[in-house]
Amino acid sequence: MIFKVHWIIDGIAEIEAKDKEEAEKILQDGLEGYVKNSDVLMNKFVAKSIQGTAYKPGNEESTKQEQQNNTETKEDSDEDNP
């Protein structure tokens, strides 16, 4: 049997740009180039669209480095408590 599977890839990238529109364009151009040059994404997984929106991180959202540091700290503390 053949099944169709609708798939979505979610991610967050930190982009240095002068404004929201430039950040979105930088990421979109990079992703579109990658997808269009990937035979697997274009023909096997049949990538159809890319979308996203830029925003400034708020107080409740930390940067990738802070998240990584928090994860490493938690893993270290978990090792101490079996």
C-alpha atoms as a PDB file:
ATOM      1  CA  MET A   1       0.000   0.000   0.000  1.00  0.00           C
ATOM      2  CA  ILE A   2       1.130   3.557  -0.641  1.00  0.00           C
ATOM      3  CA  PHE A   3       0.438   6.259   1.926  1.00  0.00           C
ATOM      4  CA  LYS A   4       0.970   9.983   1.570  1.00  0.00           C
ATOM      5  CA  VAL A   5       2.695  11.585   4.556  1.00  0.00           C
ATOM      6  CA  HIS A   6       2.525  15.337   5.142  1.00  0.00           C
ATOM      7  CA  TRP A   7       5.706  16.320   6.970  1.00  0.00           C
ATOM      8  CA  ILE A   8       6.881  19.506   8.649  1.00  0.00           C
ATOM      9  CA  ILE A   9      10.338  20.376   9.938  1.00  0.00           C
ATOM     10  CA  ASP A  10      10.378  22.941  12.724  1.00  0.00           C
ATOM     11  CA  GLY A  11      13.476  24.828  13.768  1.00  0.00           C
ATOM     12  CA  ILE A  12      14.842  28.067  15.132  1.00  0.00           C
ATOM     13  CA  ALA A  13      17.964  29.775  13.811  1.00  0.00           C
ATOM     14  CA  GLU A  14      19.723  32.800  15.219  1.00  0.00           C
ATOM     15  CA  ILE A  15      20.413  35.217  12.338  1.00  0.00           C
ATOM     16  CA  GLU A  16      22.369  38.474  12.552  1.00  0.00           C
ATOM     17  CA  ALA A  17      20.460  41.078  10.481  1.00  0.00           C
ATOM     18  CA  LYS A  18      19.486  44.745  10.496  1.00  0.00           C
ATOM     19  CA  ASP A  19      15.754  43.985  10.674  1.00  0.00           C
ATOM     20  CA  LYS A  20      13.141  41.228  10.703  1.00  0.00           C
ATOM     21  CA  GLU A  21      12.670  41.197   6.931  1.00  0.00           C
ATOM     22  CA  GLU A  22      16.399  40.822   6.269  1.00  0.00           C
ATOM     23  CA  ALA A  23      16.652  37.961   8.799  1.00  0.00           C
ATOM     24  CA  GLU A  24      13.753  36.149   7.125  1.00  0.00           C
ATOM     25  CA  LYS A  25      15.269  36.658   3.661  1.00  0.00           C
ATOM     26  CA  ILE A  26      18.702  35.412   4.721  1.00  0.00           C
ATOM     27  CA  LEU A  27      17.244  32.230   6.158  1.00  0.00           C
ATOM     28  CA  GLN A  28      14.767  31.665   3.326  1.00  0.00           C
ATOM     29  CA  ASP A  29      17.440  32.112   0.652  1.00  0.00           C
ATOM     30  CA  GLY A  30      19.731  29.664   2.418  1.00  0.00           C
ATOM     31  CA  LEU A  31      17.050  27.034   2.956  1.00  0.00           C
ATOM     32  CA  GLU A  32      15.640  27.349  -0.559  1.00  0.00           C
ATOM     33  CA  GLY A  33      19.107  26.924  -2.023  1.00  0.00           C
ATOM     34  CA  TYR A  34      19.729  23.870   0.109  1.00  0.00           C
ATOM     35  CA  VAL A  35      16.383  22.260  -0.730  1.00  0.00           C
ATOM     36  CA  LYS A  36      16.596  22.994  -4.462  1.00  0.00           C
ATOM     37  CA  ASN A  37      20.087  21.489  -4.611  1.00  0.00           C
ATOM     38  CA  SER A  38      19.066  18.374  -2.705  1.00  0.00           C
ATOM     39  CA  ASP A  39      17.899  15.596  -5.001  1.00  0.00           C
ATOM     40  CA  VAL A  40      16.532  13.695  -1.993  1.00  0.00           C
ATOM     41  CA  LEU A  41      14.474  16.630  -0.668  1.00  0.00           C
ATOM     42  CA  MET A  42      13.179  17.609  -4.086  1.00  0.00           C
ATOM     43  CA  ASN A  43      12.398  14.152  -5.477  1.00  0.00           C
ATOM     44  CA  LYS A  44      12.103  11.623  -2.662  1.00  0.00           C
ATOM     45  CA  PHE A  45      10.587  13.785   0.072  1.00  0.00           C
ATOM     46  CA  VAL A  46       9.004  16.248  -2.398  1.00  0.00           C
ATOM     47  CA  ALA A  47       9.607  19.437  -0.420  1.00  0.00           C
ATOM     48  CA  LYS A  48       6.926  21.952  -1.430  1.00  0.00           C
ATOM     49  CA  SER A  49       7.239  25.000   0.777  1.00  0.00           C
ATOM     50  CA  ILE A  50       9.287  26.834   3.357  1.00  0.00           C
ATOM     51  CA  GLN A  51       7.823  29.384   5.700  1.00  0.00           C
ATOM     52  CA  GLY A  52       8.810  31.157   8.856  1.00  0.00           C
ATOM     53  CA  THR A  53       8.756  34.416  10.724  1.00  0.00           C
ATOM     54  CA  ALA A  54      11.456  36.383  12.520  1.00  0.00           C
ATOM     55  CA  TYR A  55      11.123  37.815  16.010  1.00  0.00           C
ATOM     56  CA  LYS A  56      13.302  39.221  18.753  1.00  0.00           C
ATOM     57  CA  PRO A  57      13.788  36.845  21.684  1.00  0.00           C
ATOM     58  CA  GLY A  58      11.918  37.954  24.792  1.00  0.00           C
ATOM     59  CA  ASN A  59      12.573  37.526  28.479  1.00  0.00           C
ATOM     60  CA  GLU A  60      11.057  34.033  28.480  1.00  0.00           C
ATOM     61  CA  GLU A  61      13.235  32.842  25.612  1.00  0.00           C
ATOM     62  CA  SER A  62      16.942  32.249  25.947  1.00  0.00           C
ATOM     63  CA  THR A  63      19.550  32.008  23.232  1.00  0.00           C
ATOM     64  CA  LYS A  64      20.874  28.699  21.928  1.00  0.00           C
ATOM     65  CA  GLN A  65      23.983  29.005  24.086  1.00  0.00           C
ATOM     66  CA  GLU A  66      21.942  29.581  27.248  1.00  0.00           C
ATOM     67  CA  GLN A  67      19.723  26.602  26.380  1.00  0.00           C
ATOM     68  CA  GLN A  68      22.779  24.428  25.795  1.00  0.00           C
ATOM     69  CA  ASN A  69      24.316  25.522  29.094  1.00  0.00           C
ATOM     70  CA  ASN A  70      21.060  24.780  30.904  1.00  0.00           C
ATOM     71  CA  THR A  71      20.870  21.314  29.322  1.00  0.00           C
ATOM     72  CA  GLU A  72      24.463  20.500  30.225  1.00  0.00           C
ATOM     73  CA  THR A  73      23.885  21.656  33.817  1.00  0.00           C
ATOM     74  CA  LYS A  74      20.747  19.529  34.104  1.00  0.00           C
ATOM     75  CA  GLU A  75      22.525  16.473  32.675  1.00  0.00           C
ATOM     76  CA  ASP A  76      25.368  16.926  35.163  1.00  0.00           C
ATOM     77  CA  SER A  77      22.943  17.143  38.068  1.00  0.00           C
ATOM     78  CA  ASP A  78      21.010  14.083  36.825  1.00  0.00           C
ATOM     79  CA  GLU A  79      24.226  12.050  36.854  1.00  0.00           C
ATOM     80  CA  ASP A  80      24.675  12.838  40.544  1.00  0.00           C
ATOM     81  CA  ASN A  81      21.148  11.643  41.331  1.00  0.00           C
ATOM     82  CA  PRO A  82      20.590   8.142  39.875  1.00  0.00           C
END
